[in-house]
Amino acid sequence: MNKQLEYFRKVAETESFTKAAEQLFISQPALSRSIKFLENELGVPLFERKGRILKLNHYGEIFLEKVEESISALEEGKTLLKELVDPFTGTIRISFIHTLGNNLVPELISKFQKIYKHVNFQLYQGDAGAVIEHIESGKVDFGILMEANFSEDIIYETVKNEELFVIVPKNHPLASKKSLPLDLIKDESFIGFKEGIGLRAVADKLCLKAGFSPNITFEGQQVGTVNGFVSAGLGVSLVPKNRGISEFDIQCIPVSNPVCFRNINLAWKKDIFIPKVVNEFKNFIYKHIAAIQI
């Protein structure tokens, strides 16, 4: 019955006997017979054909929901049994925003694996919207991201407040400033981040608080790209003090008004089973994140 449930779920996912059979490494006739046998056992059809596409019918949708719950419960059971033997093995699944992939996440994982050598990681990266989707769908155990539109189904906690700095080329007239109010860059070309990137929303909000909208002339996805454009004299920006800055002809200037920072948050889905090893890594992040430069 377990294999039948796996077969059914794969056909529902791919909407095709051919694709499902290829991914399950069985013949298409064998897969068709298995689904037919399952339908006979249940006494109802589970799919309806729309051309070459298989679609779940009303019965199939109800049954799929229960199958997902059953498979999830079985996986939780396997994890619990493994934890009784060795609580610090298994796989941790995390999703994080692009700007945390250069140093923060790799360093946290590296430090953690020096202690727990038998723990593996599945990593997913994207903008804040993608990270939230990964959390809500159950694809990951938790996400690491900045401010976002968190739903009621997501729990989040701030683990780090990180100061943001104005960066300018070293030959820029502002480069000699020890600090400056943010509105001093209101007439400058601004190297920003694309919509959906956490730092874009934070920078827009801070500039608005300072009484202006930034004159965005270029948009990037990575902090390194923004550093490069600023170094080339194409504008200024507002970023965390990251390790890559030392590779560029850039001056970092603290902002005196308003206080400029971003929140780094851990977020996870409410009311889900959390393995011990995942909780151990979350606690490790709380303890060590302050010492890691992003």
Protein backbone atom coordinates (compact mmCIF):
# COMPACT_ATOMS: atom_id res chain seq x y z
CA MET A 1 0.00 0.00 0.00
CA ASN A 2 2.89 2.40 0.76
CA LYS A 3 4.19 2.13 -2.81
CA GLN A 4 0.71 2.67 -4.18
CA LEU A 5 0.44 5.88 -2.17
CA GLU A 6 3.82 7.07 -3.45
CA TYR A 7 2.79 6.22 -7.01
CA PHE A 8 -0.52 8.05 -6.60
CA ARG A 9 1.19 11.15 -5.22
CA LYS A 10 3.71 11.22 -8.07
CA VAL A 11 0.99 10.91 -10.73
CA ALA A 12 -0.96 13.70 -9.02
CA GLU A 13 2.19 15.86 -8.99
CA THR A 14 3.20 15.26 -12.63
CA GLU A 15 -0.33 14.91 -14.07
CA SER A 16 1.09 12.26 -16.39
CA PHE A 17 1.59 8.49 -16.21
CA THR A 18 4.57 8.81 -18.56
CA LYS A 19 6.43 11.44 -16.50
CA ALA A 20 5.55 9.75 -13.21
CA ALA A 21 6.77 6.36 -14.46
CA GLU A 22 10.08 7.89 -15.59
CA GLN A 23 10.65 9.55 -12.20
CA LEU A 24 9.63 6.42 -10.29
CA PHE A 25 11.79 4.17 -12.51
CA ILE A 26 8.96 1.75 -13.31
CA SER A 27 7.13 0.94 -16.53
CA GLN A 28 4.08 2.97 -17.48
CA PRO A 29 1.79 -0.11 -17.73
CA ALA A 30 2.85 -1.20 -14.23
CA LEU A 31 2.10 2.27 -12.88
CA SER A 32 -1.30 2.39 -14.61
CA ARG A 33 -2.20 -1.02 -13.16
CA SER A 34 -1.17 0.11 -9.67
CA ILE A 35 -3.37 3.24 -9.84
CA LYS A 36 -6.27 1.20 -11.26
CA PHE A 37 -5.92 -1.33 -8.44
CA LEU A 38 -5.94 1.52 -5.90
CA GLU A 39 -9.08 3.03 -7.43
CA ASN A 40 -10.80 -0.38 -7.35
CA GLU A 41 -9.81 -0.84 -3.72
CA LEU A 42 -11.19 2.60 -2.81
CA GLY A 43 -14.29 2.15 -4.95
CA VAL A 44 -13.99 5.55 -6.67
CA PRO A 45 -12.00 7.03 -9.58
CA LEU A 46 -9.24 9.45 -8.53
CA PHE A 47 -8.40 11.12 -11.86
CA GLU A 48 -10.11 12.49 -14.90
CA ARG A 49 -8.45 12.96 -18.29
CA LYS A 50 -8.23 16.34 -20.01
CA GLY A 51 -6.57 15.53 -23.29
CA ARG A 52 -3.20 14.04 -22.39
CA ILE A 53 -3.26 15.58 -18.92
CA LEU A 54 -4.49 13.74 -15.84
CA LYS A 55 -6.31 15.87 -13.30
CA LEU A 56 -7.36 14.91 -9.81
CA ASN A 57 -11.13 14.79 -9.44
CA HIS A 58 -12.98 15.65 -6.22
CA TYR A 59 -12.27 12.23 -4.70
CA GLY A 60 -8.61 12.43 -5.72
CA GLU A 61 -8.13 15.83 -4.10
CA ILE A 62 -9.58 14.60 -0.80
CA PHE A 63 -7.49 11.42 -0.91
CA LEU A 64 -4.27 13.30 -1.79
CA GLU A 65 -4.65 15.50 1.28
CA LYS A 66 -4.85 12.41 3.50
CA VAL A 67 -1.97 10.72 1.68
CA GLU A 68 0.24 13.79 2.28
CA GLU A 69 -0.67 13.72 5.98
CA SER A 70 0.09 9.99 6.20
CA ILE A 71 3.45 10.23 4.45
CA SER A 72 4.40 13.23 6.59
CA ALA A 73 3.49 11.29 9.76
CA LEU A 74 5.59 8.33 8.60
CA GLU A 75 8.59 10.59 7.92
CA GLU A 76 8.22 12.14 11.37
CA GLY A 77 8.13 8.66 12.86
CA LYS A 78 11.34 7.68 11.06
CA THR A 79 13.02 10.88 12.27
CA LEU A 80 11.94 10.27 15.88
CA LEU A 81 13.36 6.74 15.80
CA LYS A 82 16.65 7.99 14.35
CA GLU A 83 16.86 10.59 17.10
CA LEU A 84 16.53 7.88 19.75
CA VAL A 85 19.67 6.28 18.32
CA ASP A 86 21.59 9.50 17.52
CA PRO A 87 19.87 12.88 17.95
CA PHE A 88 22.42 14.77 15.85
CA THR A 89 22.25 13.14 12.47
CA GLY A 90 20.00 13.76 9.50
CA THR A 91 19.37 16.64 7.12
CA ILE A 92 18.52 20.27 7.89
CA ARG A 93 16.62 22.11 5.16
CA ILE A 94 16.97 25.89 5.12
CA SER A 95 16.10 28.70 2.74
CA PHE A 96 17.77 32.11 2.83
CA ILE A 97 17.87 35.40 0.93
CA HIS A 98 20.62 36.11 -1.60
CA THR A 99 22.54 38.62 0.52
CA LEU A 100 23.10 36.05 3.28
CA GLY A 101 24.69 33.49 0.97
CA ASN A 102 28.12 35.12 0.67
CA ASN A 103 29.32 34.69 4.24
CA LEU A 104 26.68 34.29 6.95
CA VAL A 105 25.03 30.98 6.01
CA PRO A 106 28.24 29.24 4.82
CA GLU A 107 30.09 30.23 7.99
CA LEU A 108 27.27 29.13 10.30
CA ILE A 109 27.08 25.75 8.58
CA SER A 110 30.86 25.33 8.59
CA LYS A 111 31.10 26.02 12.33
CA PHE A 112 28.14 23.73 13.07
CA GLN A 113 29.52 20.81 11.04
CA LYS A 114 32.81 20.95 12.93
CA ILE A 115 30.78 19.90 15.99
CA TYR A 116 28.12 17.73 14.32
CA LYS A 117 29.96 16.01 11.51
CA HIS A 118 27.11 13.72 10.43
CA VAL A 119 24.53 16.44 9.76
CA ASN A 120 23.75 17.30 6.12
CA PHE A 121 22.10 20.40 4.69
CA GLN A 122 19.68 21.04 1.84
CA LEU A 123 19.97 24.70 0.84
CA TYR A 124 17.53 26.89 -1.06
CA GLN A 125 18.11 30.53 -1.99
CA GLY A 126 15.88 33.27 -3.34
CA ASP A 127 14.25 36.59 -2.57
CA ALA A 128 12.06 37.08 0.50
CA GLY A 129 8.94 35.91 -1.34
CA ALA A 130 10.62 32.66 -2.40
CA VAL A 131 11.89 32.00 1.14
CA ILE A 132 8.40 32.50 2.57
CA GLU A 133 6.95 30.15 -0.07
CA HIS A 134 9.52 27.51 0.88
CA ILE A 135 8.51 27.84 4.54
CA GLU A 136 4.75 27.78 3.94
CA SER A 137 4.94 24.78 1.60
CA GLY A 138 6.96 22.75 4.11
CA LYS A 139 9.89 22.50 1.73
CA VAL A 140 12.29 23.70 4.44
CA ASP A 141 12.58 23.49 8.22
CA PHE A 142 13.09 27.23 8.53
CA GLY A 143 14.19 30.32 6.63
CA ILE A 144 16.65 33.15 7.26
CA LEU A 145 15.54 36.50 5.88
CA MET A 146 14.91 40.15 6.60
CA GLU A 147 11.63 42.00 7.08
CA ALA A 148 8.82 40.49 5.01
CA ASN A 149 5.07 40.07 4.86
CA PHE A 150 4.83 37.15 7.28
CA SER A 151 1.48 35.36 7.39
CA GLU A 152 -0.21 34.21 10.59
CA ASP A 153 1.04 30.68 9.83
CA ILE A 154 4.67 31.74 10.23
CA ILE A 155 6.59 32.33 13.46
CA TYR A 156 9.62 34.60 13.20
CA GLU A 157 12.24 35.91 15.61
CA THR A 158 14.95 38.53 15.09
CA VAL A 159 18.41 37.09 15.67
CA LYS A 160 20.59 40.00 14.57
CA ASN A 161 20.31 43.77 14.09
CA GLU A 162 22.85 44.77 11.47
CA GLU A 163 23.97 48.35 10.88
CA LEU A 164 23.79 49.74 7.36
CA PHE A 165 26.33 52.17 5.94
CA VAL A 166 26.41 54.61 3.05
CA ILE A 167 29.09 53.46 0.62
CA VAL A 168 30.76 55.82 -1.84
CA PRO A 169 33.83 55.60 -4.13
CA LYS A 170 37.03 56.51 -2.27
CA ASN A 171 37.50 59.57 -4.51
CA HIS A 172 33.95 60.84 -3.83
CA PRO A 173 33.54 64.26 -2.10
CA LEU A 174 31.69 62.54 0.79
CA ALA A 175 34.40 59.91 1.33
CA SER A 176 36.15 61.98 4.03
CA LYS A 177 33.02 62.20 6.20
CA LYS A 178 33.19 60.42 9.58
CA SER A 179 29.39 60.15 9.51
CA LEU A 180 26.53 61.77 7.65
CA PRO A 181 22.75 62.21 7.70
CA LEU A 182 21.10 60.00 5.08
CA ASP A 183 19.48 62.94 3.26
CA LEU A 184 22.96 64.12 2.23
CA ILE A 185 22.83 61.54 -0.60
CA LYS A 186 19.37 62.51 -1.86
CA ASP A 187 20.74 64.04 -5.08
CA GLU A 188 23.23 61.22 -5.74
CA SER A 189 22.77 58.41 -8.25
CA PHE A 190 21.77 55.44 -6.11
CA ILE A 191 22.78 51.82 -6.78
CA GLY A 192 19.85 49.86 -5.44
CA PHE A 193 18.56 46.31 -5.25
CA LYS A 194 15.82 44.79 -7.37
CA GLU A 195 12.23 44.69 -6.13
CA GLY A 196 11.73 41.65 -3.90
CA ILE A 197 15.25 41.80 -2.45
CA GLY A 198 15.06 42.53 1.28
CA LEU A 199 17.62 45.35 1.22
CA ARG A 200 15.56 47.19 -1.41
CA ALA A 201 12.56 47.47 0.89
CA VAL A 202 14.76 48.49 3.84
CA ALA A 203 16.63 51.17 1.84
CA ASP A 204 13.39 52.60 0.41
CA LYS A 205 11.87 52.78 3.89
CA LEU A 206 14.93 54.48 5.41
CA CYS A 207 15.25 57.01 2.58
CA LEU A 208 11.55 57.84 2.92
CA LYS A 209 12.10 58.34 6.65
CA ALA A 210 14.92 60.75 5.76
CA GLY A 211 12.52 62.70 3.51
CA PHE A 212 13.42 61.60 -0.02
CA SER A 213 13.12 58.82 -2.58
CA PRO A 214 16.44 57.46 -3.85
CA ASN A 215 17.40 58.25 -7.45
CA ILE A 216 17.94 54.61 -8.46
CA THR A 217 20.05 54.33 -11.62
CA PHE A 218 21.07 50.66 -11.39
CA GLU A 219 19.52 47.65 -9.67
CA GLY A 220 21.36 44.50 -8.60
CA GLN A 221 20.61 41.27 -6.76
CA GLN A 222 23.89 40.74 -4.92
CA VAL A 223 25.78 43.00 -2.51
CA GLY A 224 28.95 42.27 -4.47
CA THR A 225 27.39 43.66 -7.64
CA VAL A 226 26.34 46.84 -5.84
CA ASN A 227 29.86 47.19 -4.41
CA GLY A 228 31.31 46.93 -7.90
CA PHE A 229 29.06 49.60 -9.39
CA VAL A 230 29.79 51.99 -6.51
CA SER A 231 33.52 51.35 -6.84
CA ALA A 232 33.30 52.19 -10.54
CA GLY A 233 31.92 55.64 -9.66
CA LEU A 234 28.40 54.98 -10.92
CA GLY A 235 26.64 55.98 -7.71
CA VAL A 236 26.33 55.43 -3.95
CA SER A 237 24.40 52.88 -1.94
CA LEU A 238 23.26 51.72 1.49
CA VAL A 239 24.49 48.27 2.54
CA PRO A 240 25.76 46.27 5.52
CA LYS A 241 29.52 46.34 6.05
CA ASN A 242 30.38 43.10 4.27
CA ARG A 243 33.72 41.39 3.80
CA GLY A 244 33.72 42.01 0.06
CA ILE A 245 33.96 45.78 0.52
CA SER A 246 37.70 45.55 1.19
CA GLU A 247 38.17 44.29 -2.39
CA PHE A 248 36.82 47.54 -3.84
CA ASP A 249 37.79 51.23 -3.80
CA ILE A 250 34.90 52.01 -1.49
CA GLN A 251 34.50 54.10 1.66
CA CYS A 252 31.98 53.00 4.32
CA ILE A 253 30.34 55.88 6.17
CA PRO A 254 28.11 55.49 9.27
CA VAL A 255 24.69 57.18 9.08
CA SER A 256 23.94 59.64 11.90
CA ASN A 257 20.23 60.11 11.13
CA PRO A 258 18.05 58.11 10.91
CA VAL A 259 19.54 55.05 12.60
CA CYS A 260 20.06 52.60 9.74
CA PHE A 261 19.92 48.86 10.28
CA ARG A 262 18.21 45.72 9.03
CA ASN A 263 16.78 42.84 11.05
CA ILE A 264 17.88 39.28 10.29
CA ASN A 265 15.08 36.86 11.19
CA LEU A 266 14.63 33.13 11.61
CA ALA A 267 11.18 32.06 10.41
CA TRP A 268 9.36 28.73 10.45
CA LYS A 269 5.88 27.37 9.94
CA LYS A 270 3.61 27.25 12.96
CA ASP A 271 2.58 23.87 14.39
CA ILE A 272 5.08 21.71 12.50
CA PHE A 273 7.26 18.90 13.79
CA ILE A 274 10.82 20.17 14.38
CA PRO A 275 13.54 17.50 14.70
CA LYS A 276 16.05 17.87 17.53
CA VAL A 277 18.91 18.51 15.12
CA VAL A 278 17.02 21.43 13.58
CA ASN A 279 16.39 22.95 17.01
CA GLU A 280 20.07 22.44 17.81
CA PHE A 281 21.09 24.38 14.70
CA LYS A 282 18.59 27.18 15.44
CA ASN A 283 20.02 27.50 18.97
CA PHE A 284 23.52 27.48 17.47
CA ILE A 285 22.53 30.41 15.21
CA TYR A 286 21.21 32.43 18.17
CA LYS A 287 24.51 31.88 19.99
CA HIS A 288 26.97 32.53 17.16
CA ILE A 289 25.36 34.90 14.64
CA ALA A 290 26.40 38.10 16.42
CA ALA A 291 30.09 37.33 15.87
CA ILE A 292 29.76 36.69 12.12
CA GLN A 293 30.17 39.55 9.66
CA ILE A 294 27.78 39.35 6.74
